[in-house]
Amino acid sequence: MPTPQHPQPAGRSEHPQSADTSPAIARAFTLLSRRWNGLVLMALAKGPADFAQIRERVPGISDRMLAQRLQELTAIDLVVQDVRPRLSSRTRYALSAHGKAFLIPLAVLFLWAEDHLPASSSSPSDQPAPPGH
């Protein structure tokens, strides 16, 4: 009796470790390695916000850096802008459908970091070895 074949999604290889996936994972790590990107996305996970609200949700980010990150995240369709003309025009930012989908791996990374990375700002090599080592 023949073995049933499991269909693979188009464009994906059977083994995630294959060379075909390295450009995709490299793009994901590049996105996360850019300072503030993850924190801006997590700030927008709380809901749509204007520039000042995002700045409050991401302590320490400068106005210039926040504007740059929002522009970059909008360009790659993780964030969308909603300009509402009124007496004073106000732009609100929100996660796009792609941005919301990105919250799934970001949440897993957050949980992993909570469990496996030290809370202090020192690197693991700066910490004293446990007794007996």
C-alpha atoms as a PDB file:
ATOM      1  CA  MET A   1       0.000   0.000   0.000  1.00  0.00           C
ATOM      2  CA  PRO A   2       1.515   3.394  -0.950  1.00  0.00           C
ATOM      3  CA  THR A   3       2.407   5.843   1.775  1.00  0.00           C
ATOM      4  CA  PRO A   4       0.142   8.910   1.781  1.00  0.00           C
ATOM      5  CA  GLN A   5       1.868  12.102   0.710  1.00  0.00           C
ATOM      6  CA  HIS A   6       1.371  15.201   2.828  1.00  0.00           C
ATOM      7  CA  PRO A   7       1.108  18.304   0.664  1.00  0.00           C
ATOM      8  CA  GLN A   8       3.564  21.085   1.413  1.00  0.00           C
ATOM      9  CA  PRO A   9       2.542  24.736   1.227  1.00  0.00           C
ATOM     10  CA  ALA A  10       3.701  26.368  -1.984  1.00  0.00           C
ATOM     11  CA  GLY A  11       7.201  27.763  -1.785  1.00  0.00           C
ATOM     12  CA  ARG A  12       8.157  25.902   1.369  1.00  0.00           C
ATOM     13  CA  SER A  13      10.563  23.039   1.637  1.00  0.00           C
ATOM     14  CA  GLU A  14       9.935  19.935   3.681  1.00  0.00           C
ATOM     15  CA  HIS A  15      12.833  20.604   6.077  1.00  0.00           C
ATOM     16  CA  PRO A  16      13.029  23.992   7.806  1.00  0.00           C
ATOM     17  CA  GLN A  17      16.807  23.632   8.047  1.00  0.00           C
ATOM     18  CA  SER A  18      17.219  23.654   4.266  1.00  0.00           C
ATOM     19  CA  ALA A  19      19.120  26.373   2.465  1.00  0.00           C
ATOM     20  CA  ASP A  20      15.814  27.637   1.035  1.00  0.00           C
ATOM     21  CA  THR A  21      14.733  29.022   4.409  1.00  0.00           C
ATOM     22  CA  SER A  22      17.959  30.840   5.305  1.00  0.00           C
ATOM     23  CA  PRO A  23      17.058  34.077   3.436  1.00  0.00           C
ATOM     24  CA  ALA A  24      13.681  34.197   5.189  1.00  0.00           C
ATOM     25  CA  ILE A  25      15.112  33.691   8.669  1.00  0.00           C
ATOM     26  CA  ALA A  26      17.883  36.157   7.896  1.00  0.00           C
ATOM     27  CA  ARG A  27      15.220  38.765   7.027  1.00  0.00           C
ATOM     28  CA  ALA A  28      13.394  38.056  10.287  1.00  0.00           C
ATOM     29  CA  PHE A  29      16.566  38.408  12.352  1.00  0.00           C
ATOM     30  CA  THR A  30      17.478  41.595  10.489  1.00  0.00           C
ATOM     31  CA  LEU A  31      14.063  43.018  11.336  1.00  0.00           C
ATOM     32  CA  LEU A  32      14.418  42.160  15.027  1.00  0.00           C
ATOM     33  CA  SER A  33      18.061  43.204  15.240  1.00  0.00           C
ATOM     34  CA  ARG A  34      17.227  46.792  14.352  1.00  0.00           C
ATOM     35  CA  ARG A  35      17.052  48.627  17.635  1.00  0.00           C
ATOM     36  CA  TRP A  36      13.522  49.452  18.831  1.00  0.00           C
ATOM     37  CA  ASN A  37      11.596  47.495  16.147  1.00  0.00           C
ATOM     38  CA  GLY A  38      10.393  44.779  18.507  1.00  0.00           C
ATOM     39  CA  LEU A  39       9.444  47.280  21.192  1.00  0.00           C
ATOM     40  CA  VAL A  40       7.523  49.486  18.741  1.00  0.00           C
ATOM     41  CA  LEU A  41       5.621  46.451  17.474  1.00  0.00           C
ATOM     42  CA  MET A  42       4.869  45.343  21.040  1.00  0.00           C
ATOM     43  CA  ALA A  43       3.672  48.888  21.844  1.00  0.00           C
ATOM     44  CA  LEU A  44       1.239  48.713  18.928  1.00  0.00           C
ATOM     45  CA  ALA A  45       0.090  45.268  20.076  1.00  0.00           C
ATOM     46  CA  LYS A  46      -1.715  47.159  22.849  1.00  0.00           C
ATOM     47  CA  GLY A  47      -3.811  48.880  20.180  1.00  0.00           C
ATOM     48  CA  PRO A  48      -3.685  51.754  17.708  1.00  0.00           C
ATOM     49  CA  ALA A  49      -1.880  54.832  18.959  1.00  0.00           C
ATOM     50  CA  ASP A  50      -0.667  58.221  17.875  1.00  0.00           C
ATOM     51  CA  PHE A  51       3.002  59.184  17.884  1.00  0.00           C
ATOM     52  CA  ALA A  52       2.994  60.530  21.457  1.00  0.00           C
ATOM     53  CA  GLN A  53       1.222  57.447  22.809  1.00  0.00           C
ATOM     54  CA  ILE A  54       3.750  55.129  21.151  1.00  0.00           C
ATOM     55  CA  ARG A  55       6.607  57.217  22.566  1.00  0.00           C
ATOM     56  CA  GLU A  56       5.084  56.809  26.042  1.00  0.00           C
ATOM     57  CA  ARG A  57       4.821  53.033  25.530  1.00  0.00           C
ATOM     58  CA  VAL A  58       8.483  52.801  24.439  1.00  0.00           C
ATOM     59  CA  PRO A  59      10.493  54.637  27.118  1.00  0.00           C
ATOM     60  CA  GLY A  60      13.873  55.915  26.001  1.00  0.00           C
ATOM     61  CA  ILE A  61      13.195  56.160  22.266  1.00  0.00           C
ATOM     62  CA  SER A  62      13.847  59.559  20.696  1.00  0.00           C
ATOM     63  CA  ASP A  63      11.306  61.285  18.473  1.00  0.00           C
ATOM     64  CA  ARG A  64      13.662  60.995  15.508  1.00  0.00           C
ATOM     65  CA  MET A  65      14.248  57.273  16.033  1.00  0.00           C
ATOM     66  CA  LEU A  66      10.545  56.571  16.533  1.00  0.00           C
ATOM     67  CA  ALA A  67       9.670  58.439  13.335  1.00  0.00           C
ATOM     68  CA  GLN A  68      12.335  56.469  11.460  1.00  0.00           C
ATOM     69  CA  ARG A  69      11.171  53.100  12.827  1.00  0.00           C
ATOM     70  CA  LEU A  70       7.507  53.840  12.111  1.00  0.00           C
ATOM     71  CA  GLN A  71       8.425  54.800   8.549  1.00  0.00           C
ATOM     72  CA  GLU A  72      10.431  51.583   8.078  1.00  0.00           C
ATOM     73  CA  LEU A  73       7.767  49.342   9.636  1.00  0.00           C
ATOM     74  CA  THR A  74       5.123  51.007   7.471  1.00  0.00           C
ATOM     75  CA  ALA A  75       7.254  50.483   4.345  1.00  0.00           C
ATOM     76  CA  ILE A  76       7.408  46.721   4.988  1.00  0.00           C
ATOM     77  CA  ASP A  77       3.679  46.586   5.778  1.00  0.00           C
ATOM     78  CA  LEU A  78       3.869  45.664   9.444  1.00  0.00           C
ATOM     79  CA  VAL A  79       2.345  48.991  10.479  1.00  0.00           C
ATOM     80  CA  VAL A  80      -0.382  51.064   8.834  1.00  0.00           C
ATOM     81  CA  GLN A  81      -1.090  54.770   9.200  1.00  0.00           C
ATOM     82  CA  ASP A  82      -4.522  56.299   9.583  1.00  0.00           C
ATOM     83  CA  VAL A  83      -4.547  60.064   9.046  1.00  0.00           C
ATOM     84  CA  ARG A  84      -7.714  61.668  10.358  1.00  0.00           C
ATOM     85  CA  PRO A  85      -8.129  65.255   9.222  1.00  0.00           C
ATOM     86  CA  ARG A  86      -9.644  67.458  11.905  1.00  0.00           C
ATOM     87  CA  LEU A  87      -8.768  70.810  13.353  1.00  0.00           C
ATOM     88  CA  SER A  88      -5.345  69.340  13.947  1.00  0.00           C
ATOM     89  CA  SER A  89      -4.506  66.387  11.749  1.00  0.00           C
ATOM     90  CA  ARG A  90      -3.512  63.410  13.775  1.00  0.00           C
ATOM     91  CA  THR A  91      -1.897  60.260  12.471  1.00  0.00           C
ATOM     92  CA  ARG A  92      -2.648  57.038  14.276  1.00  0.00           C
ATOM     93  CA  TYR A  93      -0.594  53.917  13.806  1.00  0.00           C
ATOM     94  CA  ALA A  94      -1.768  50.326  14.055  1.00  0.00           C
ATOM     95  CA  LEU A  95      -0.481  46.888  13.240  1.00  0.00           C
ATOM     96  CA  SER A  96      -1.376  45.658   9.765  1.00  0.00           C
ATOM     97  CA  ALA A  97      -2.557  42.095   9.232  1.00  0.00           C
ATOM     98  CA  HIS A  98       1.109  41.149   8.678  1.00  0.00           C
ATOM     99  CA  GLY A  99       2.073  42.973  11.864  1.00  0.00           C
ATOM    100  CA  LYS A 100      -0.577  41.136  13.851  1.00  0.00           C
ATOM    101  CA  ALA A 101       0.661  37.812  12.449  1.00  0.00           C
ATOM    102  CA  PHE A 102       4.180  38.754  13.548  1.00  0.00           C
ATOM    103  CA  LEU A 103       2.958  39.005  17.144  1.00  0.00           C
ATOM    104  CA  ILE A 104       2.736  35.206  17.319  1.00  0.00           C
ATOM    105  CA  PRO A 105       6.492  34.544  16.984  1.00  0.00           C
ATOM    106  CA  LEU A 106       7.226  37.732  18.934  1.00  0.00           C
ATOM    107  CA  ALA A 107       5.110  36.459  21.851  1.00  0.00           C
ATOM    108  CA  VAL A 108       6.919  33.121  21.793  1.00  0.00           C
ATOM    109  CA  LEU A 109      10.259  34.966  21.801  1.00  0.00           C
ATOM    110  CA  PHE A 110       9.034  37.086  24.720  1.00  0.00           C
ATOM    111  CA  LEU A 111       8.091  33.999  26.739  1.00  0.00           C
ATOM    112  CA  TRP A 112      11.411  32.344  25.946  1.00  0.00           C
ATOM    113  CA  ALA A 113      13.302  35.479  27.037  1.00  0.00           C
ATOM    114  CA  GLU A 114      11.320  35.635  30.286  1.00  0.00           C
ATOM    115  CA  ASP A 115      12.310  32.045  31.071  1.00  0.00           C
ATOM    116  CA  HIS A 116      15.870  31.925  29.775  1.00  0.00           C
ATOM    117  CA  LEU A 117      17.520  35.347  29.776  1.00  0.00           C
ATOM    118  CA  PRO A 118      18.684  37.021  32.962  1.00  0.00           C
ATOM    119  CA  ALA A 119      16.731  40.074  34.067  1.00  0.00           C
ATOM    120  CA  SER A 120      19.882  42.094  34.801  1.00  0.00           C
ATOM    121  CA  SER A 121      21.548  44.179  32.140  1.00  0.00           C
ATOM    122  CA  SER A 122      24.809  42.251  32.453  1.00  0.00           C
ATOM    123  CA  SER A 123      25.629  39.552  29.973  1.00  0.00           C
ATOM    124  CA  PRO A 124      25.587  35.913  31.114  1.00  0.00           C
ATOM    125  CA  SER A 125      29.408  35.820  31.043  1.00  0.00           C
ATOM    126  CA  ASP A 126      29.507  38.765  33.507  1.00  0.00           C
ATOM    127  CA  GLN A 127      27.566  36.800  36.111  1.00  0.00           C
ATOM    128  CA  PRO A 128      29.326  34.710  38.731  1.00  0.00           C
ATOM    129  CA  ALA A 129      29.372  30.986  38.186  1.00  0.00           C
ATOM    130  CA  PRO A 130      27.011  28.964  40.374  1.00  0.00           C
ATOM    131  CA  PRO A 131      28.594  27.361  43.449  1.00  0.00           C
ATOM    132  CA  GLY A 132      30.529  24.225  42.637  1.00  0.00           C
ATOM    133  CA  HIS A 133      31.554  25.311  39.117  1.00  0.00           C
END
